[in-house]
Protein backbone atom coordinates (compact mmCIF):
# COMPACT_ATOMS: atom_id res chain seq x y z
CA MET A 1 17.28 4.16 -4.49
CA TYR A 2 20.57 4.91 -2.50
CA ALA A 3 22.32 8.13 -3.18
CA ASP A 4 24.43 6.71 -5.82
CA ARG A 5 20.95 5.80 -7.72
CA THR A 6 21.33 2.44 -7.24
CA PHE A 7 18.72 -0.32 -6.04
CA SER A 8 18.59 -2.80 -3.73
CA CYS A 9 16.21 -5.93 -3.13
CA LYS A 10 14.99 -6.91 0.28
CA GLU A 11 12.86 -10.04 1.06
CA PHE A 12 9.59 -9.78 2.43
CA SER A 13 7.60 -12.40 3.79
CA ILE A 14 3.48 -12.05 2.93
CA SER A 15 0.07 -13.27 4.33
CA ARG A 16 -3.77 -12.80 3.52
CA THR A 17 -5.14 -11.18 6.30
CA GLU A 18 -9.08 -11.47 7.02
CA THR A 19 -10.67 -7.57 7.01
CA MET A 20 -14.25 -9.15 7.18
CA ASP A 21 -15.88 -12.03 8.48
CA SER A 22 -16.37 -15.17 5.80
CA VAL A 23 -20.04 -14.48 5.27
CA LEU A 24 -19.35 -10.59 4.13
CA GLN A 25 -15.75 -12.03 2.49
CA ALA A 26 -17.89 -14.66 0.10
CA LYS A 27 -20.15 -11.75 -0.94
CA TYR A 28 -17.50 -9.93 -1.82
CA PRO A 29 -14.38 -12.21 -2.85
CA GLU A 30 -13.17 -9.26 -4.96
CA LEU A 31 -11.79 -7.35 -1.47
CA LYS A 32 -8.31 -8.81 -0.65
CA SER A 33 -5.81 -7.54 1.71
CA PHE A 34 -2.31 -8.93 2.68
CA LYS A 35 0.39 -7.63 5.17
CA ALA A 36 4.08 -8.51 4.67
CA SER A 37 7.31 -7.94 6.82
CA GLU A 38 10.67 -8.02 6.66
CA PRO A 39 12.20 -11.09 8.12
CA GLY A 40 14.66 -10.35 10.90
CA ASN A 41 12.54 -6.51 11.08
CA GLY A 42 9.46 -5.87 12.02
CA LEU A 43 9.30 -2.04 11.39
CA ASN A 44 9.78 -2.54 7.33
CA THR A 45 6.06 -3.25 6.58
CA VAL A 46 3.82 -3.34 3.57
CA ARG A 47 -0.19 -3.41 3.17
CA VAL A 48 -2.24 -4.28 0.34
CA ASN A 49 -5.71 -4.02 -0.15
CA CYS A 50 -7.28 -5.32 -3.38
CA ASP A 51 -10.45 -4.54 -4.80
CA GLY A 52 -10.90 -6.36 -8.15
CA GLN A 53 -9.86 -3.43 -10.37
CA SER A 54 -6.96 -1.38 -8.51
CA THR A 55 -4.51 -2.00 -5.42
CA ARG A 56 -3.66 0.02 -2.96
CA PHE A 57 0.15 -0.26 -1.06
CA MET A 58 1.42 1.28 2.56
CA ILE A 59 4.28 0.68 2.93
CA THR A 60 6.78 1.56 6.10
CA TYR A 61 10.21 1.12 5.29
CA ALA A 62 13.23 2.82 7.14
CA GLY A 63 10.52 4.75 9.31
CA LYS A 64 8.90 6.68 6.97
CA GLN A 65 5.66 6.04 4.91
CA TYR A 66 5.21 5.74 1.32
CA PHE A 67 2.18 4.86 -0.71
CA ILE A 68 0.88 3.84 -3.58
CA GLU A 69 -2.44 4.46 -5.10
CA PRO A 70 -4.44 4.21 -8.45
CA VAL A 71 -5.40 7.78 -10.09
CA VAL A 72 -7.67 6.66 -13.01
CA PHE A 73 -7.52 9.71 -16.21
CA GLY A 74 -8.69 9.46 -19.46
CA GLY A 75 -10.28 5.50 -18.61
CA ARG A 76 -6.95 4.63 -18.10
CA THR A 77 -5.29 3.20 -14.43
CA TYR A 78 -1.89 4.97 -13.25
CA TYR A 79 -0.32 4.32 -9.98
CA ALA A 80 1.14 7.44 -7.91
CA HIS A 81 4.12 6.60 -5.42
CA TYR A 82 4.38 9.11 -2.73
CA ALA A 83 5.82 9.98 1.11
CA LYS A 84 3.95 10.54 3.52
CA ASP A 85 5.61 13.71 4.69
CA ASP A 86 6.31 14.56 0.51
CA PRO A 87 5.57 18.56 1.41
CA ASN A 88 4.32 19.08 -2.58
CA PHE A 89 1.41 16.35 -2.06
CA ILE A 90 -1.42 18.55 -0.69
CA LYS A 91 -3.48 16.20 2.21
CA GLU A 92 -7.27 16.61 3.29
CA LYS A 93 -8.42 15.99 6.79
CA PHE A 94 -10.09 12.78 7.18
CA GLU A 95 -13.34 14.29 8.43
CA ARG A 96 -14.95 16.66 6.20
CA ARG A 97 -18.06 19.05 7.49
């Protein structure tokens, strides 16, 4: 969204990516990954991961990273959108001890 609260659409090219070998993919056909990029600007990218029940997005646009993650609440799936540098989002360490 722009400062004047308007939107603009961008064209992206999307393709399927392989994240596991063919034997494992055949065992888990519901697991799919995609990558997308803006033609003419390879710095604007999207990664999409589907597990058959929900979808996750990682978007890099104009030098910032954004995430769209599924959140299950009361038996329903909602999608939360946040920026990586959002100060209101509590980030957990990747490794736990």
